[in-house]
């Protein structure tokens, strides 16, 4: 985080709630794909910064809510497919699953 002037884009914010990082609100790295795919999340840049509330503490947090995790999985799959120029099948070969809805698979 920069000190002093500058626009708000100079500051790190929570991916979900957009709250700005401060000394009292530290952001945490969340690996979109966990467990056996954690290293792949690192390798392909499939991580997001989350505040503690959105990461693990509140009912809507990534580690508490299936709905939030589903949102992040879809975001991560779209990002990986775009950046790697992958098809759904190629994503599935690397990560072992498809998180997109049927209409997004086309």
Protein backbone atom coordinates (compact mmCIF):
# COMPACT_ATOMS: atom_id res chain seq x y z
CA UNK A 1 0.00 0.00 0.00
CA UNK A 2 1.38 3.39 -0.93
CA UNK A 3 1.67 6.22 1.54
CA UNK A 4 0.45 9.70 0.75
CA UNK A 5 -1.46 10.82 -2.33
CA UNK A 6 -2.55 8.92 -5.37
CA UNK A 7 -5.85 7.55 -6.49
CA UNK A 8 -7.63 4.61 -4.88
CA UNK A 9 -6.21 2.19 -7.47
CA UNK A 10 -2.89 2.56 -5.60
CA UNK A 11 -4.35 0.66 -2.66
CA UNK A 12 -4.94 -3.06 -2.24
CA UNK A 13 -8.57 -4.01 -1.77
CA UNK A 14 -10.53 -7.13 -0.88
CA UNK A 15 -11.59 -8.94 -4.05
CA UNK A 16 -15.12 -9.50 -2.72
CA UNK A 17 -16.11 -6.50 -0.60
CA UNK A 18 -13.57 -3.98 -1.96
CA UNK A 19 -12.59 -2.86 1.53
CA UNK A 20 -9.16 -1.20 1.46
CA UNK A 21 -6.25 -2.74 3.31
CA UNK A 22 -5.18 -0.86 6.44
CA UNK A 23 -3.00 -1.63 9.45
CA UNK A 24 -6.16 -2.98 11.14
CA UNK A 25 -7.59 -4.72 8.07
CA UNK A 26 -4.85 -6.86 6.58
CA UNK A 27 -5.63 -8.72 3.39
CA UNK A 28 -4.98 -12.44 3.10
CA UNK A 29 -4.13 -14.53 0.04
CA UNK A 30 -6.88 -16.99 -0.85
CA UNK A 31 -6.05 -19.87 -3.20
CA UNK A 32 -9.11 -20.29 -5.41
CA UNK A 33 -8.45 -23.98 -5.92
CA UNK A 34 -7.48 -25.73 -2.69
CA UNK A 35 -5.98 -28.98 -1.48
CA UNK A 36 -4.22 -30.89 -4.29
CA UNK A 37 -4.69 -27.89 -6.60
CA UNK A 38 -3.21 -25.27 -4.25
CA UNK A 39 0.19 -25.28 -5.98
CA UNK A 40 -1.56 -24.99 -9.35
CA UNK A 41 -3.45 -21.96 -8.04
CA UNK A 42 -0.08 -20.39 -7.24
CA UNK A 43 1.46 -21.40 -10.55
CA UNK A 44 -1.39 -20.03 -12.69
CA UNK A 45 -1.97 -16.92 -10.55
CA UNK A 46 -5.37 -18.10 -9.34
CA UNK A 47 -5.30 -16.35 -6.00
CA UNK A 48 -7.22 -13.34 -4.72
CA UNK A 49 -6.75 -11.00 -1.79
CA UNK A 50 -9.53 -11.16 0.79
CA UNK A 51 -10.12 -9.40 4.08
CA UNK A 52 -10.48 -11.69 7.10
CA UNK A 53 -14.27 -11.30 7.04
CA UNK A 54 -14.53 -12.44 3.41
CA UNK A 55 -11.80 -15.06 3.73
CA UNK A 56 -12.71 -17.02 6.86
CA UNK A 57 -14.65 -15.20 9.57
CA UNK A 58 -18.16 -14.30 8.40
CA UNK A 59 -20.93 -16.64 7.18
CA UNK A 60 -20.37 -15.45 3.59
CA UNK A 61 -16.58 -16.05 3.76
CA UNK A 62 -14.84 -18.18 1.15
CA UNK A 63 -14.05 -20.89 3.72
CA UNK A 64 -17.58 -20.80 5.18
CA UNK A 65 -19.95 -20.40 2.24
CA UNK A 66 -20.44 -22.80 -0.65
CA UNK A 67 -22.02 -19.96 -2.64
CA UNK A 68 -18.93 -17.76 -2.24
CA UNK A 69 -16.61 -20.65 -3.08
CA UNK A 70 -18.67 -21.44 -6.17
CA UNK A 71 -18.40 -17.79 -7.29
CA UNK A 72 -14.62 -17.87 -6.83
CA UNK A 73 -14.28 -21.24 -8.61
CA UNK A 74 -16.17 -19.88 -11.63
CA UNK A 75 -14.09 -16.69 -11.62
CA UNK A 76 -10.88 -18.73 -11.37
CA UNK A 77 -11.86 -21.09 -14.17
CA UNK A 78 -12.82 -18.22 -16.50
CA UNK A 79 -9.54 -16.43 -15.68
CA UNK A 80 -7.44 -19.56 -16.28
CA UNK A 81 -9.22 -20.40 -19.53
CA UNK A 82 -8.78 -16.85 -20.85
CA UNK A 83 -5.14 -16.46 -19.82
CA UNK A 84 -4.07 -19.96 -20.89
CA UNK A 85 -6.32 -20.07 -23.96
CA UNK A 86 -7.85 -23.30 -22.66
CA UNK A 87 -11.09 -25.03 -23.46
CA UNK A 88 -13.29 -26.36 -20.65
CA UNK A 89 -11.83 -29.82 -21.32
CA UNK A 90 -8.25 -28.52 -21.01
CA UNK A 91 -9.12 -26.81 -17.72
CA UNK A 92 -10.67 -30.04 -16.48
CA UNK A 93 -7.49 -31.96 -17.41
CA UNK A 94 -5.40 -29.65 -15.21
CA UNK A 95 -7.79 -29.03 -12.29
CA UNK A 96 -9.91 -32.19 -12.41
CA UNK A 97 -13.28 -30.41 -12.46
CA UNK A 98 -15.48 -28.00 -14.36
CA UNK A 99 -17.15 -25.25 -12.32
CA UNK A 100 -18.96 -23.42 -15.11
CA UNK A 101 -22.66 -23.72 -15.85
CA UNK A 102 -23.73 -25.58 -18.98
CA UNK A 103 -24.24 -22.40 -21.05
CA UNK A 104 -20.71 -21.24 -20.19
CA UNK A 105 -19.25 -24.52 -21.41
CA UNK A 106 -19.98 -23.65 -25.03
